[in-house]
Amino acid sequence: MAVRVDEARRSAQQAAFAARMQTYLASGDPILMREAIAWMQARSPSTPMTSSPMT
């Protein structure tokens, strides 16, 4: 039972962080956008971004 609670909590935290990264991207702030892009790349390193909005 405790394992399921931990998994649910971890899933909720990951979803909240992903939502925060979405707001970073939508903000238009170059620093926040870079942070969100770096987070996305770290989560899926096998999928390189072909173009960056920051270049």
C-alpha atoms as a PDB file:
ATOM      1  CA  MET A   1       0.000   0.000   0.000  1.00  0.00           C
ATOM      2  CA  ALA A   2       2.783   2.449   0.895  1.00  0.00           C
ATOM      3  CA  VAL A   3       4.483   1.782  -2.435  1.00  0.00           C
ATOM      4  CA  ARG A   4       1.352   2.828  -4.323  1.00  0.00           C
ATOM      5  CA  VAL A   5       1.079   5.994  -2.262  1.00  0.00           C
ATOM      6  CA  ASP A   6       4.717   6.815  -3.017  1.00  0.00           C
ATOM      7  CA  GLU A   7       4.180   6.151  -6.725  1.00  0.00           C
ATOM      8  CA  ALA A   8       1.070   8.330  -6.756  1.00  0.00           C
ATOM      9  CA  ARG A   9       2.889  11.125  -4.940  1.00  0.00           C
ATOM     10  CA  ARG A  10       5.867  10.898  -7.304  1.00  0.00           C
ATOM     11  CA  SER A  11       3.554  10.931 -10.316  1.00  0.00           C
ATOM     12  CA  ALA A  12       1.738  13.999  -9.002  1.00  0.00           C
ATOM     13  CA  GLN A  13       5.036  15.790  -8.369  1.00  0.00           C
ATOM     14  CA  GLN A  14       6.259  14.973 -11.872  1.00  0.00           C
ATOM     15  CA  ALA A  15       3.007  16.246 -13.376  1.00  0.00           C
ATOM     16  CA  ALA A  16       3.251  19.469 -11.368  1.00  0.00           C
ATOM     17  CA  PHE A  17       6.847  19.996 -12.476  1.00  0.00           C
ATOM     18  CA  ALA A  18       5.920  19.323 -16.113  1.00  0.00           C
ATOM     19  CA  ALA A  19       3.123  21.892 -15.810  1.00  0.00           C
ATOM     20  CA  ARG A  20       5.626  24.405 -14.429  1.00  0.00           C
ATOM     21  CA  MET A  21       7.925  23.769 -17.385  1.00  0.00           C
ATOM     22  CA  GLN A  22       4.974  24.401 -19.721  1.00  0.00           C
ATOM     23  CA  THR A  23       4.429  27.790 -18.079  1.00  0.00           C
ATOM     24  CA  TYR A  24       8.144  28.509 -18.514  1.00  0.00           C
ATOM     25  CA  LEU A  25       7.839  27.836 -22.230  1.00  0.00           C
ATOM     26  CA  ALA A  26       4.728  29.965 -22.523  1.00  0.00           C
ATOM     27  CA  SER A  27       6.269  32.837 -20.560  1.00  0.00           C
ATOM     28  CA  GLY A  28       8.420  34.103 -23.405  1.00  0.00           C
ATOM     29  CA  ASP A  29      11.260  34.672 -20.923  1.00  0.00           C
ATOM     30  CA  PRO A  30      14.465  33.417 -22.600  1.00  0.00           C
ATOM     31  CA  ILE A  31      15.990  32.153 -19.352  1.00  0.00           C
ATOM     32  CA  LEU A  32      12.884  30.246 -18.295  1.00  0.00           C
ATOM     33  CA  MET A  33      12.459  28.860 -21.801  1.00  0.00           C
ATOM     34  CA  ARG A  34      16.043  27.580 -21.805  1.00  0.00           C
ATOM     35  CA  GLU A  35      15.413  25.908 -18.451  1.00  0.00           C
ATOM     36  CA  ALA A  36      12.301  24.168 -19.792  1.00  0.00           C
ATOM     37  CA  ILE A  37      14.093  23.062 -22.967  1.00  0.00           C
ATOM     38  CA  ALA A  38      17.023  21.710 -20.950  1.00  0.00           C
ATOM     39  CA  TRP A  39      14.576  19.803 -18.742  1.00  0.00           C
ATOM     40  CA  MET A  40      12.837  18.312 -21.784  1.00  0.00           C
ATOM     41  CA  GLN A  41      16.153  17.274 -23.325  1.00  0.00           C
ATOM     42  CA  ALA A  42      17.287  15.678 -20.063  1.00  0.00           C
ATOM     43  CA  ARG A  43      14.057  13.666 -19.859  1.00  0.00           C
ATOM     44  CA  SER A  44      14.418  12.323 -23.390  1.00  0.00           C
ATOM     45  CA  PRO A  45      18.084  12.500 -24.410  1.00  0.00           C
ATOM     46  CA  SER A  46      17.532  10.141 -27.359  1.00  0.00           C
ATOM     47  CA  THR A  47      15.287  12.726 -29.027  1.00  0.00           C
ATOM     48  CA  PRO A  48      17.479  15.656 -30.026  1.00  0.00           C
ATOM     49  CA  MET A  49      15.772  18.927 -30.753  1.00  0.00           C
ATOM     50  CA  THR A  50      16.280  19.832 -34.388  1.00  0.00           C
ATOM     51  CA  SER A  51      15.868  23.538 -33.819  1.00  0.00           C
ATOM     52  CA  SER A  52      15.905  25.699 -30.765  1.00  0.00           C
ATOM     53  CA  PRO A  53      13.754  28.801 -30.379  1.00  0.00           C
ATOM     54  CA  MET A  54      16.683  30.408 -28.591  1.00  0.00           C
ATOM     55  CA  THR A  55      19.162  30.345 -31.503  1.00  0.00           C
END
